[in-house]
PDB file of N, CA and C in Angstrom:
ATOM      1  N   MET A   1      13.118  25.587  -3.053  1.00  0.00           N
ATOM      2  CA  MET A   1      12.756  24.041  -2.529  1.00  0.00           C
ATOM      3  C   MET A   1      13.664  23.030  -3.408  1.00  0.00           C
ATOM      4  N   ASP A   2      13.924  22.575  -2.350  1.00  0.00           N
ATOM      5  CA  ASP A   2      15.220  20.976  -2.635  1.00  0.00           C
ATOM      6  C   ASP A   2      14.155  19.862  -3.127  1.00  0.00           C
ATOM      7  N   VAL A   3      14.222  19.504  -4.275  1.00  0.00           N
ATOM      8  CA  VAL A   3      13.455  18.937  -4.800  1.00  0.00           C
ATOM      9  C   VAL A   3      14.181  17.375  -4.680  1.00  0.00           C
ATOM     10  N   LEU A   4      15.491  17.136  -5.055  1.00  0.00           N
ATOM     11  CA  LEU A   4      16.107  15.923  -4.807  1.00  0.00           C
ATOM     12  C   LEU A   4      16.143  15.875  -3.201  1.00  0.00           C
ATOM     13  N   GLY A   5      15.991  16.631  -2.191  1.00  0.00           N
ATOM     14  CA  GLY A   5      16.226  16.591  -0.832  1.00  0.00           C
ATOM     15  C   GLY A   5      15.036  15.804   0.199  1.00  0.00           C
ATOM     16  N   HIS A   6      14.086  15.525  -1.266  1.00  0.00           N
ATOM     17  CA  HIS A   6      12.542  14.657  -0.860  1.00  0.00           C
ATOM     18  C   HIS A   6      12.383  13.325  -1.526  1.00  0.00           C
ATOM     19  N   TYR A   7      13.813  12.741  -1.479  1.00  0.00           N
ATOM     20  CA  TYR A   7      13.406  11.621  -2.171  1.00  0.00           C
ATOM     21  C   TYR A   7      12.756  10.160  -1.607  1.00  0.00           C
ATOM     22  N   ASN A   8      12.240  10.380  -0.271  1.00  0.00           N
ATOM     23  CA  ASN A   8      11.023   9.800   0.003  1.00  0.00           C
ATOM     24  C   ASN A   8      10.025   9.807  -0.681  1.00  0.00           C
ATOM     25  N   TYR A   9       9.719  10.769  -1.105  1.00  0.00           N
ATOM     26  CA  TYR A   9       8.132  10.930  -1.692  1.00  0.00           C
ATOM     27  C   TYR A   9       8.784  10.828  -3.221  1.00  0.00           C
ATOM     28  N   TRP A  10       9.503  10.463  -3.858  1.00  0.00           N
ATOM     29  CA  TRP A  10       9.661  10.663  -5.115  1.00  0.00           C
ATOM     30  C   TRP A  10       9.602   8.948  -4.939  1.00  0.00           C
ATOM     31  N   ILE A  11       9.975   8.283  -4.271  1.00  0.00           N
ATOM     32  CA  ILE A  11      10.357   6.598  -3.871  1.00  0.00           C
ATOM     33  C   ILE A  11       8.369   6.064  -3.836  1.00  0.00           C
ATOM     34  N   SER A  12       8.453   7.072  -3.115  1.00  0.00           N
ATOM     35  CA  SER A  12       6.456   6.440  -2.616  1.00  0.00           C
ATOM     36  C   SER A  12       6.070   6.720  -4.105  1.00  0.00           C
ATOM     37  N   ILE A  13       6.165   7.879  -4.636  1.00  0.00           N
ATOM     38  CA  ILE A  13       5.652   8.112  -6.216  1.00  0.00           C
ATOM     39  C   ILE A  13       5.985   6.951  -6.752  1.00  0.00           C
ATOM     40  N   ALA A  14       6.834   6.406  -6.879  1.00  0.00           N
ATOM     41  CA  ALA A  14       7.282   5.566  -7.805  1.00  0.00           C
ATOM     42  C   ALA A  14       6.763   4.199  -7.876  1.00  0.00           C
ATOM     43  N   LEU A  15       6.645   3.860  -6.170  1.00  0.00           N
ATOM     44  CA  LEU A  15       5.622   2.844  -6.070  1.00  0.00           C
ATOM     45  C   LEU A  15       4.224   2.605  -6.326  1.00  0.00           C
ATOM     46  N   MET A  16       4.039   4.209  -5.796  1.00  0.00           N
ATOM     47  CA  MET A  16       2.570   3.965  -6.382  1.00  0.00           C
ATOM     48  C   MET A  16       2.122   3.468  -7.678  1.00  0.00           C
ATOM     49  N   MET A  17       2.299   4.546  -8.593  1.00  0.00           N
ATOM     50  CA  MET A  17       2.901   4.378  -9.906  1.00  0.00           C
ATOM     51  C   MET A  17       2.808   3.046 -10.706  1.00  0.00           C
ATOM     52  N   ALA A  18       4.203   1.860  -9.908  1.00  0.00           N
ATOM     53  CA  ALA A  18       4.262   0.502  -9.675  1.00  0.00           C
ATOM     54  C   ALA A  18       2.988   0.002  -9.675  1.00  0.00           C
ATOM     55  N   GLY A  19       2.774   0.361  -8.380  1.00  0.00           N
ATOM     56  CA  GLY A  19       1.814  -0.130  -8.104  1.00  0.00           C
ATOM     57  C   GLY A  19       0.344  -0.438  -9.029  1.00  0.00           C
ATOM     58  N   PHE A  20       0.274   1.122  -9.207  1.00  0.00           N
ATOM     59  CA  PHE A  20      -1.308   1.257 -10.008  1.00  0.00           C
ATOM     60  C   PHE A  20      -1.165   0.347 -11.073  1.00  0.00           C
ATOM     61  N   TYR A  21       0.076   0.583 -11.984  1.00  0.00           N
ATOM     62  CA  TYR A  21       0.381  -0.472 -13.713  1.00  0.00           C
ATOM     63  C   TYR A  21       0.064  -1.764 -12.995  1.00  0.00           C
ATOM     64  N   LEU A  22       0.405  -2.413 -12.137  1.00  0.00           N
ATOM     65  CA  LEU A  22       0.478  -4.049 -11.829  1.00  0.00           C
ATOM     66  C   LEU A  22      -1.319  -4.002 -12.242  1.00  0.00           C
ATOM     67  N   VAL A  23      -1.501  -3.147 -11.075  1.00  0.00           N
ATOM     68  CA  VAL A  23      -3.389  -3.197 -11.140  1.00  0.00           C
ATOM     69  C   VAL A  23      -4.447  -3.366 -12.268  1.00  0.00           C
ATOM     70  N   ILE A  24      -4.187  -2.375 -13.357  1.00  0.00           N
ATOM     71  CA  ILE A  24      -4.772  -1.890 -14.016  1.00  0.00           C
ATOM     72  C   ILE A  24      -4.076  -2.671 -15.487  1.00  0.00           C
ATOM     73  N   ALA A  25      -2.697  -3.114 -15.550  1.00  0.00           N
ATOM     74  CA  ALA A  25      -2.596  -3.864 -16.737  1.00  0.00           C
ATOM     75  C   ALA A  25      -2.178  -5.200 -16.991  1.00  0.00           C
ATOM     76  N   ARG A  26      -2.735  -5.576 -15.510  1.00  0.00           N
ATOM     77  CA  ARG A  26      -2.555  -7.559 -15.678  1.00  0.00           C
ATOM     78  C   ARG A  26      -3.594  -8.311 -15.068  1.00  0.00           C
ATOM     79  N   ALA A  27      -3.903  -9.130 -15.944  1.00  0.00           N
ATOM     80  CA  ALA A  27      -5.183  -9.655 -16.353  1.00  0.00           C
ATOM     81  C   ALA A  27      -5.278 -11.300 -14.724  1.00  0.00           C
ATOM     82  N   ASN A  28      -3.868 -11.320 -14.456  1.00  0.00           N
ATOM     83  CA  ASN A  28      -3.849 -12.477 -13.471  1.00  0.00           C
ATOM     84  C   ASN A  28      -4.598 -11.448 -12.066  1.00  0.00           C
ATOM     85  N   LEU A  29      -5.129 -12.435 -11.012  1.00  0.00           N
ATOM     86  CA  LEU A  29      -5.783 -11.662 -10.463  1.00  0.00           C
ATOM     87  C   LEU A  29      -4.452 -11.925  -9.070  1.00  0.00           C
ATOM     88  N   MET A  30      -3.794 -12.959  -9.529  1.00  0.00           N
ATOM     89  CA  MET A  30      -2.693 -12.345  -7.990  1.00  0.00           C
ATOM     90  C   MET A  30      -1.738 -11.314  -7.954  1.00  0.00           C
ATOM     91  N   LYS A  31      -1.303 -11.009  -9.795  1.00  0.00           N
ATOM     92  CA  LYS A  31      -0.166 -10.094  -9.755  1.00  0.00           C
ATOM     93  C   LYS A  31      -1.145  -8.629  -9.478  1.00  0.00           C
ATOM     94  N   LYS A  32      -2.544  -8.541  -9.831  1.00  0.00           N
ATOM     95  CA  LYS A  32      -3.277  -7.460  -9.380  1.00  0.00           C
ATOM     96  C   LYS A  32      -3.367  -7.331  -7.862  1.00  0.00           C
ATOM     97  N   LEU A  33      -3.465  -8.123  -7.233  1.00  0.00           N
ATOM     98  CA  LEU A  33      -3.008  -8.280  -5.764  1.00  0.00           C
ATOM     99  C   LEU A  33      -1.638  -7.903  -5.369  1.00  0.00           C
ATOM    100  N   VAL A  34      -0.486  -7.946  -5.864  1.00  0.00           N
ATOM    101  CA  VAL A  34       0.371  -7.676  -5.541  1.00  0.00           C
ATOM    102  C   VAL A  34       0.728  -6.518  -6.122  1.00  0.00           C
ATOM    103  N   GLY A  35      -0.003  -5.955  -6.679  1.00  0.00           N
ATOM    104  CA  GLY A  35       0.134  -4.366  -7.232  1.00  0.00           C
ATOM    105  C   GLY A  35      -0.850  -3.671  -5.927  1.00  0.00           C
ATOM    106  N   LEU A  36      -1.893  -4.369  -5.736  1.00  0.00           N
ATOM    107  CA  LEU A  36      -2.379  -3.314  -4.662  1.00  0.00           C
ATOM    108  C   LEU A  36      -1.530  -3.058  -3.190  1.00  0.00           C
ATOM    109  N   ASN A  37      -1.248  -4.755  -3.269  1.00  0.00           N
ATOM    110  CA  ASN A  37      -0.429  -4.239  -1.774  1.00  0.00           C
ATOM    111  C   ASN A  37       0.755  -3.416  -1.696  1.00  0.00           C
ATOM    112  N   VAL A  38       0.982  -3.489  -3.084  1.00  0.00           N
ATOM    113  CA  VAL A  38       2.628  -2.519  -3.551  1.00  0.00           C
ATOM    114  C   VAL A  38       1.715  -1.059  -3.119  1.00  0.00           C
ATOM    115  N   PHE A  39       0.816  -0.885  -4.270  1.00  0.00           N
ATOM    116  CA  PHE A  39       0.691   0.771  -4.027  1.00  0.00           C
ATOM    117  C   PHE A  39      -0.201   1.056  -2.513  1.00  0.00           C
ATOM    118  N   GLN A  40      -0.723   0.284  -1.622  1.00  0.00           N
ATOM    119  CA  GLN A  40      -0.486   0.478  -0.190  1.00  0.00           C
ATOM    120  C   GLN A  40       0.576   0.501   0.755  1.00  0.00           C
ATOM    121  N   THR A  41       1.744  -0.288   0.402  1.00  0.00           N
ATOM    122  CA  THR A  41       3.135   0.017   0.939  1.00  0.00           C
ATOM    123  C   THR A  41       3.266   1.490   0.541  1.00  0.00           C
ATOM    124  N   ALA A  42       3.168   1.976  -1.013  1.00  0.00           N
ATOM    125  CA  ALA A  42       3.853   3.659  -0.943  1.00  0.00           C
ATOM    126  C   ALA A  42       2.497   4.390  -0.189  1.00  0.00           C
ATOM    127  N   VAL A  43       1.538   4.481   0.135  1.00  0.00           N
ATOM    128  CA  VAL A  43       0.686   4.990   0.857  1.00  0.00           C
ATOM    129  C   VAL A  43       0.842   5.352   2.222  1.00  0.00           C
ATOM    130  N   PHE A  44       1.679   4.225   2.723  1.00  0.00           N
ATOM    131  CA  PHE A  44       1.945   4.159   4.232  1.00  0.00           C
ATOM    132  C   PHE A  44       3.234   4.795   4.158  1.00  0.00           C
ATOM    133  N   LEU A  45       4.354   4.472   3.144  1.00  0.00           N
ATOM    134  CA  LEU A  45       5.474   5.520   3.272  1.00  0.00           C
ATOM    135  C   LEU A  45       5.147   6.754   3.454  1.00  0.00           C
ATOM    136  N   LEU A  46       4.178   7.272   2.139  1.00  0.00           N
ATOM    137  CA  LEU A  46       4.280   8.550   2.112  1.00  0.00           C
ATOM    138  C   LEU A  46       3.531   9.531   3.572  1.00  0.00           C
ATOM    139  N   TYR A  47       2.522   8.210   4.184  1.00  0.00           N
ATOM    140  CA  TYR A  47       2.111   9.182   5.194  1.00  0.00           C
ATOM    141  C   TYR A  47       3.323   9.166   6.180  1.00  0.00           C
ATOM    142  N   ILE A  48       3.822   8.601   6.319  1.00  0.00           N
ATOM    143  CA  ILE A  48       4.907   8.035   7.387  1.00  0.00           C
ATOM    144  C   ILE A  48       6.325   9.321   7.482  1.00  0.00           C
ATOM    145  N   SER A  49       6.696   9.607   6.405  1.00  0.00           N
ATOM    146  CA  SER A  49       6.985  10.786   5.570  1.00  0.00           C
ATOM    147  C   SER A  49       6.830  12.048   6.374  1.00  0.00           C
ATOM    148  N   ILE A  50       5.091  12.703   5.802  1.00  0.00           N
ATOM    149  CA  ILE A  50       4.699  13.170   5.929  1.00  0.00           C
ATOM    150  C   ILE A  50       4.974  13.618   7.629  1.00  0.00           C
ATOM    151  N   GLY A  51       4.705  12.878   8.736  1.00  0.00           N
ATOM    152  CA  GLY A  51       4.452  12.678  10.020  1.00  0.00           C
ATOM    153  C   GLY A  51       6.134  12.934  10.782  1.00  0.00           C
ATOM    154  N   LYS A  52       7.249  12.737   9.817  1.00  0.00           N
ATOM    155  CA  LYS A  52       8.328  13.010  10.348  1.00  0.00           C
ATOM    156  C   LYS A  52       8.554  14.413  10.598  1.00  0.00           C
ATOM    157  N   VAL A  53       9.234  14.960  11.190  1.00  0.00           N
ATOM    158  CA  VAL A  53       9.666  16.190  11.551  1.00  0.00           C
ATOM    159  C   VAL A  53      11.386  16.297  11.776  1.00  0.00           C
ATOM    160  N   SER A  54      12.613  17.323  10.782  1.00  0.00           N
ATOM    161  CA  SER A  54      13.595  16.763  10.918  1.00  0.00           C
ATOM    162  C   SER A  54      14.101  17.510  12.453  1.00  0.00           C
ATOM    163  N   GLY A  55      14.551  16.778  13.097  1.00  0.00           N
ATOM    164  CA  GLY A  55      15.367  16.960  14.050  1.00  0.00           C
ATOM    165  C   GLY A  55      14.392  16.871  15.451  1.00  0.00           C
ATOM    166  N   GLY A  56      12.702  16.552  15.304  1.00  0.00           N
ATOM    167  CA  GLY A  56      12.214  16.111  15.929  1.00  0.00           C
ATOM    168  C   GLY A  56      12.138  14.504  16.736  1.00  0.00           C
ATOM    169  N   THR A  57      11.694  14.749  17.880  1.00  0.00           N
ATOM    170  CA  THR A  57      11.585  13.657  19.154  1.00  0.00           C
ATOM    171  C   THR A  57      10.020  12.859  19.302  1.00  0.00           C
ATOM    172  N   ALA A  58      10.139  12.367  19.736  1.00  0.00           N
ATOM    173  CA  ALA A  58       9.118  11.415  20.356  1.00  0.00           C
ATOM    174  C   ALA A  58       7.948  12.411  21.134  1.00  0.00           C
ATOM    175  N   PRO A  59       6.726  12.534  20.829  1.00  0.00           N
ATOM    176  CA  PRO A  59       5.759  13.563  21.315  1.00  0.00           C
ATOM    177  C   PRO A  59       5.752  13.280  23.068  1.00  0.00           C
ATOM    178  N   ILE A  60       7.127  13.105  23.872  1.00  0.00           N
ATOM    179  CA  ILE A  60       7.084  12.966  25.082  1.00  0.00           C
ATOM    180  C   ILE A  60       7.464  14.236  25.881  1.00  0.00           C
ATOM    181  N   ALA A  61       6.673  15.161  26.575  1.00  0.00           N
ATOM    182  CA  ALA A  61       7.297  16.354  27.281  1.00  0.00           C
ATOM    183  C   ALA A  61       8.150  15.759  27.906  1.00  0.00           C
ATOM    184  N   LYS A  62       9.426  16.227  27.782  1.00  0.00           N
ATOM    185  CA  LYS A  62      11.076  16.099  28.794  1.00  0.00           C
ATOM    186  C   LYS A  62      11.561  17.963  28.902  1.00  0.00           C
ATOM    187  N   GLU A  63      12.024  17.936  29.431  1.00  0.00           N
ATOM    188  CA  GLU A  63      12.996  19.301  29.081  1.00  0.00           C
ATOM    189  C   GLU A  63      13.879  19.241  28.506  1.00  0.00           C
ATOM    190  N   GLY A  64      13.749  20.551  27.251  1.00  0.00           N
ATOM    191  CA  GLY A  64      15.175  20.691  26.912  1.00  0.00           C
ATOM    192  C   GLY A  64      14.485  20.331  25.752  1.00  0.00           C
ATOM    193  N   PHE A  65      13.313  20.045  25.400  1.00  0.00           N
ATOM    194  CA  PHE A  65      12.930  19.667  24.008  1.00  0.00           C
ATOM    195  C   PHE A  65      11.883  20.295  23.517  1.00  0.00           C
ATOM    196  N   THR A  66      11.717  21.045  22.220  1.00  0.00           N
ATOM    197  CA  THR A  66      10.917  21.829  21.798  1.00  0.00           C
ATOM    198  C   THR A  66      10.066  21.359  20.609  1.00  0.00           C
ATOM    199  N   LEU A  67      10.737  20.683  19.406  1.00  0.00           N
ATOM    200  CA  LEU A  67      10.256  20.206  18.431  1.00  0.00           C
ATOM    201  C   LEU A  67       9.982  18.465  18.478  1.00  0.00           C
ATOM    202  N   TYR A  68       8.651  18.566  18.102  1.00  0.00           N
ATOM    203  CA  TYR A  68       8.030  16.911  18.191  1.00  0.00           C
ATOM    204  C   TYR A  68       7.354  16.450  17.190  1.00  0.00           C
ATOM    205  N   SER A  69       7.594  15.353  16.731  1.00  0.00           N
ATOM    206  CA  SER A  69       7.164  15.023  15.836  1.00  0.00           C
ATOM    207  C   SER A  69       5.785  14.691  15.810  1.00  0.00           C
ATOM    208  N   ASN A  70       4.856  14.634  14.846  1.00  0.00           N
ATOM    209  CA  ASN A  70       3.143  14.300  15.179  1.00  0.00           C
ATOM    210  C   ASN A  70       3.234  12.851  14.921  1.00  0.00           C
ATOM    211  N   PRO A  71       2.736  12.452  16.041  1.00  0.00           N
ATOM    212  CA  PRO A  71       2.377  10.594  16.096  1.00  0.00           C
ATOM    213  C   PRO A  71       1.011  10.449  15.594  1.00  0.00           C
ATOM    214  N   LEU A  72       0.442  11.214  14.671  1.00  0.00           N
ATOM    215  CA  LEU A  72      -0.706  10.886  14.449  1.00  0.00           C
ATOM    216  C   LEU A  72      -0.799  10.186  13.331  1.00  0.00           C
ATOM    217  N   PRO A  73       0.314  10.616  12.062  1.00  0.00           N
ATOM    218  CA  PRO A  73       0.371   9.246  11.058  1.00  0.00           C
ATOM    219  C   PRO A  73       0.431   8.148  11.315  1.00  0.00           C
ATOM    220  N   SER A  74       1.369   7.733  11.831  1.00  0.00           N
ATOM    221  CA  SER A  74       2.670   6.782  12.332  1.00  0.00           C
ATOM    222  C   SER A  74       0.732   5.578  13.164  1.00  0.00           C
ATOM    223  N   VAL A  75       0.003   6.222  13.934  1.00  0.00           N
ATOM    224  CA  VAL A  75      -1.429   5.591  14.356  1.00  0.00           C
ATOM    225  C   VAL A  75      -2.050   5.236  13.423  1.00  0.00           C
ATOM    226  N   LEU A  76      -2.686   6.609  12.291  1.00  0.00           N
ATOM    227  CA  LEU A  76      -3.016   6.131  11.377  1.00  0.00           C
ATOM    228  C   LEU A  76      -2.835   4.719  10.472  1.00  0.00           C
ATOM    229  N   ILE A  77      -1.171   4.628  10.430  1.00  0.00           N
ATOM    230  CA  ILE A  77      -0.282   3.805   9.502  1.00  0.00           C
ATOM    231  C   ILE A  77      -0.760   2.419  10.159  1.00  0.00           C
ATOM    232  N   LEU A  78      -0.651   2.251  11.453  1.00  0.00           N
ATOM    233  CA  LEU A  78      -0.803   1.096  12.220  1.00  0.00           C
ATOM    234  C   LEU A  78      -2.360   0.435  11.985  1.00  0.00           C
ATOM    235  N   THR A  79      -3.110   1.349  11.753  1.00  0.00           N
ATOM    236  CA  THR A  79      -4.520   1.023  11.685  1.00  0.00           C
ATOM    237  C   THR A  79      -5.102   0.135  10.247  1.00  0.00           C
ATOM    238  N   ALA A  80      -4.406   1.187   8.791  1.00  0.00           N
ATOM    239  CA  ALA A  80      -4.154   1.092   7.980  1.00  0.00           C
ATOM    240  C   ALA A  80      -3.422  -0.859   7.604  1.00  0.00           C
ATOM    241  N   ILE A  81      -2.463  -0.582   8.190  1.00  0.00           N
ATOM    242  CA  ILE A  81      -1.575  -1.771   8.034  1.00  0.00           C
ATOM    243  C   ILE A  81      -2.472  -3.088   8.659  1.00  0.00           C
ATOM    244  N   VAL A  82      -3.160  -3.323   9.595  1.00  0.00           N
ATOM    245  CA  VAL A  82      -4.207  -4.366  10.043  1.00  0.00           C
ATOM    246  C   VAL A  82      -5.272  -4.424   8.555  1.00  0.00           C
ATOM    247  N   VAL A  83      -5.784  -3.266   8.046  1.00  0.00           N
ATOM    248  CA  VAL A  83      -6.563  -3.232   7.300  1.00  0.00           C
ATOM    249  C   VAL A  83      -6.274  -3.908   6.137  1.00  0.00           C
ATOM    250  N   SER A  84      -4.883  -3.798   5.555  1.00  0.00           N
ATOM    251  CA  SER A  84      -4.596  -4.550   4.802  1.00  0.00           C
ATOM    252  C   SER A  84      -3.760  -5.937   4.758  1.00  0.00           C
ATOM    253  N   VAL A  85      -3.656  -5.886   5.969  1.00  0.00           N
ATOM    254  CA  VAL A  85      -3.145  -7.743   6.101  1.00  0.00           C
ATOM    255  C   VAL A  85      -4.539  -8.347   5.862  1.00  0.00           C
ATOM    256  N   SER A  86      -5.695  -7.672   6.642  1.00  0.00           N
ATOM    257  CA  SER A  86      -6.547  -8.229   6.537  1.00  0.00           C
ATOM    258  C   SER A  86      -8.028  -8.371   4.795  1.00  0.00           C
ATOM    259  N   MET A  87      -7.520  -7.461   4.540  1.00  0.00           N
ATOM    260  CA  MET A  87      -8.063  -7.071   2.827  1.00  0.00           C
ATOM    261  C   MET A  87      -7.263  -8.442   2.401  1.00  0.00           C
ATOM    262  N   THR A  88      -6.185  -8.650   2.164  1.00  0.00           N
ATOM    263  CA  THR A  88      -5.335  -9.370   1.812  1.00  0.00           C
ATOM    264  C   THR A  88      -5.850 -10.796   1.809  1.00  0.00           C
ATOM    265  N   ALA A  89      -6.018 -11.135   3.158  1.00  0.00           N
ATOM    266  CA  ALA A  89      -6.231 -12.414   3.417  1.00  0.00           C
ATOM    267  C   ALA A  89      -7.553 -13.019   3.084  1.00  0.00           C
ATOM    268  N   VAL A  90      -8.527 -11.836   2.984  1.00  0.00           N
ATOM    269  CA  VAL A  90      -9.876 -12.066   2.265  1.00  0.00           C
ATOM    270  C   VAL A  90      -9.446 -12.137   0.662  1.00  0.00           C
ATOM    271  N   ALA A  91      -8.777 -11.437  -0.148  1.00  0.00           N
ATOM    272  CA  ALA A  91      -8.603 -11.665  -1.336  1.00  0.00           C
ATOM    273  C   ALA A  91      -7.837 -12.555  -1.403  1.00  0.00           C
ATOM    274  N   LEU A  92      -6.726 -13.266  -1.157  1.00  0.00           N
ATOM    275  CA  LEU A  92      -6.451 -14.298  -0.944  1.00  0.00           C
ATOM    276  C   LEU A  92      -7.309 -15.476  -1.332  1.00  0.00           C
ATOM    277  N   ALA A  93      -8.643 -15.582  -0.130  1.00  0.00           N
ATOM    278  CA  ALA A  93      -9.129 -16.579  -0.202  1.00  0.00           C
ATOM    279  C   ALA A  93     -10.170 -16.549  -1.185  1.00  0.00           C
ATOM    280  N   ILE A  94     -10.652 -14.998  -1.755  1.00  0.00           N
ATOM    281  CA  ILE A  94     -11.617 -15.244  -2.992  1.00  0.00           C
ATOM    282  C   ILE A  94     -10.978 -15.699  -3.986  1.00  0.00           C
ATOM    283  N   ILE A  95      -9.481 -15.338  -4.184  1.00  0.00           N
ATOM    284  CA  ILE A  95      -8.773 -16.048  -5.371  1.00  0.00           C
ATOM    285  C   ILE A  95      -8.905 -17.631  -5.762  1.00  0.00           C
ATOM    286  N   VAL A  96      -8.760 -18.465  -4.579  1.00  0.00           N
ATOM    287  CA  VAL A  96      -8.427 -19.842  -4.308  1.00  0.00           C
ATOM    288  C   VAL A  96     -10.245 -20.377  -4.874  1.00  0.00           C
ATOM    289  N   ARG A  97     -10.822 -19.579  -4.166  1.00  0.00           N
ATOM    290  CA  ARG A  97     -12.650 -20.183  -4.737  1.00  0.00           C
ATOM    291  C   ARG A  97     -12.894 -19.617  -5.687  1.00  0.00           C
ATOM    292  N   ILE A  98     -12.104 -18.564  -6.719  1.00  0.00           N
ATOM    293  CA  ILE A  98     -12.855 -18.439  -8.143  1.00  0.00           C
ATOM    294  C   ILE A  98     -11.428 -19.525  -8.711  1.00  0.00           C
ATOM    295  N   ARG A  99     -10.222 -19.335  -8.259  1.00  0.00           N
ATOM    296  CA  ARG A  99      -9.117 -20.932  -8.852  1.00  0.00           C
ATOM    297  C   ARG A  99     -10.354 -22.719  -8.615  1.00  0.00           C
ATOM    298  N   GLU A 100     -10.668 -22.434  -7.771  1.00  0.00           N
ATOM    299  CA  GLU A 100     -11.832 -23.699  -7.851  1.00  0.00           C
ATOM    300  C   GLU A 100     -12.399 -23.960  -8.589  1.00  0.00           C
ATOM    301  N   ALA A 101     -13.756 -22.896  -8.652  1.00  0.00           N
ATOM    302  CA  ALA A 101     -14.793 -22.440  -9.489  1.00  0.00           C
ATOM    303  C   ALA A 101     -14.336 -22.800 -10.999  1.00  0.00           C
ATOM    304  N   TYR A 102     -12.955 -21.788 -11.294  1.00  0.00           N
ATOM    305  CA  TYR A 102     -12.905 -21.674 -12.589  1.00  0.00           C
ATOM    306  C   TYR A 102     -11.927 -22.254 -13.086  1.00  0.00           C
ATOM    307  N   GLY A 103     -10.954 -22.718 -12.432  1.00  0.00           N
ATOM    308  CA  GLY A 103      -9.980 -23.357 -12.918  1.00  0.00           C
ATOM    309  C   GLY A 103      -8.449 -22.841 -13.590  1.00  0.00           C
ATOM    310  N   THR A 104      -9.139 -21.282 -12.971  1.00  0.00           N
ATOM    311  CA  THR A 104      -7.505 -20.240 -13.415  1.00  0.00           C
ATOM    312  C   THR A 104      -7.875 -19.124 -13.090  1.00  0.00           C
ATOM    313  N   VAL A 105      -6.952 -17.993 -12.726  1.00  0.00           N
ATOM    314  CA  VAL A 105      -6.851 -16.794 -12.263  1.00  0.00           C
ATOM    315  C   VAL A 105      -6.808 -15.984 -13.191  1.00  0.00           C
ATOM    316  N   GLU A 106      -6.694 -16.300 -14.491  1.00  0.00           N
ATOM    317  CA  GLU A 106      -7.040 -15.161 -15.570  1.00  0.00           C
ATOM    318  C   GLU A 106      -8.246 -14.644 -15.265  1.00  0.00           C
ATOM    319  N   GLU A 107      -8.098 -12.972 -15.824  1.00  0.00           N
ATOM    320  CA  GLU A 107      -9.315 -12.613 -15.696  1.00  0.00           C
ATOM    321  C   GLU A 107     -10.221 -12.947 -16.959  1.00  0.00           C
ATOM    322  N   ASP A 108      -9.230 -12.715 -18.542  1.00  0.00           N
ATOM    323  CA  ASP A 108     -10.305 -12.952 -19.782  1.00  0.00           C
ATOM    324  C   ASP A 108     -10.457 -14.376 -19.997  1.00  0.00           C
ATOM    325  N   GLU A 109      -9.826 -15.216 -19.007  1.00  0.00           N
ATOM    326  CA  GLU A 109     -10.909 -16.470 -19.357  1.00  0.00           C
ATOM    327  C   GLU A 109     -11.419 -17.072 -18.342  1.00  0.00           C
ATOM    328  N   ILE A 110     -11.995 -16.275 -17.402  1.00  0.00           N
ATOM    329  CA  ILE A 110     -12.790 -16.102 -16.558  1.00  0.00           C
ATOM    330  C   ILE A 110     -14.450 -15.586 -17.335  1.00  0.00           C
ATOM    331  N   LEU A 111     -13.847 -14.489 -18.024  1.00  0.00           N
ATOM    332  CA  LEU A 111     -14.802 -14.145 -18.363  1.00  0.00           C
ATOM    333  C   LEU A 111     -15.677 -14.622 -19.606  1.00  0.00           C
ATOM    334  N   GLU A 112     -14.646 -15.326 -20.378  1.00  0.00           N
ATOM    335  CA  GLU A 112     -14.717 -16.181 -21.523  1.00  0.00           C
ATOM    336  C   GLU A 112     -15.954 -17.467 -20.987  1.00  0.00           C
ATOM    337  N   GLN A 113     -15.337 -18.163 -19.642  1.00  0.00           N
ATOM    338  CA  GLN A 113     -16.419 -19.291 -19.424  1.00  0.00           C
ATOM    339  C   GLN A 113     -17.517 -18.536 -19.128  1.00  0.00           C
ATOM    340  N   ASP A 114     -17.982 -17.114 -18.528  1.00  0.00           N
ATOM    341  CA  ASP A 114     -18.734 -16.956 -18.016  1.00  0.00           C
ATOM    342  C   ASP A 114     -19.570 -16.843 -18.762  1.00  0.00           C
ATOM    343  N   GLU A 115     -19.542 -16.192 -20.506  1.00  0.00           N
ATOM    344  CA  GLU A 115     -20.271 -16.042 -21.486  1.00  0.00           C
ATOM    345  C   GLU A 115     -20.599 -17.309 -21.710  1.00  0.00           C
ATOM    346  N   ALA A 116     -19.758 -18.204 -22.104  1.00  0.00           N
ATOM    347  CA  ALA A 116     -20.065 -19.654 -22.430  1.00  0.00           C
ATOM    348  C   ALA A 116     -21.321 -20.146 -21.949  1.00  0.00           C
TER     349      ALA A 116
END
């Protein structure tokens, strides 16, 4: 098995880990949201990579074509992109409301204010 030949999987895994690190390690809510978006983009890349067949064409029945790429991952990713954009918009709105209420978007400062 050619491990280096599947570089798109390695890139997607690296992006997933970078996004996961941003979500876990950062206390700033905006940085967490950026990390979540990086993670989602990595998942999109992974699913699109899985759906591509080397040498395959679009799944339109024409004479002379026998190998087709699977369209299902692309359709699922289009739906996931819409959900991702909606989630980002709602998260940004919530972050704005948190900033208005607490004066900060740092998680530890918000927790300190809640405890006081």
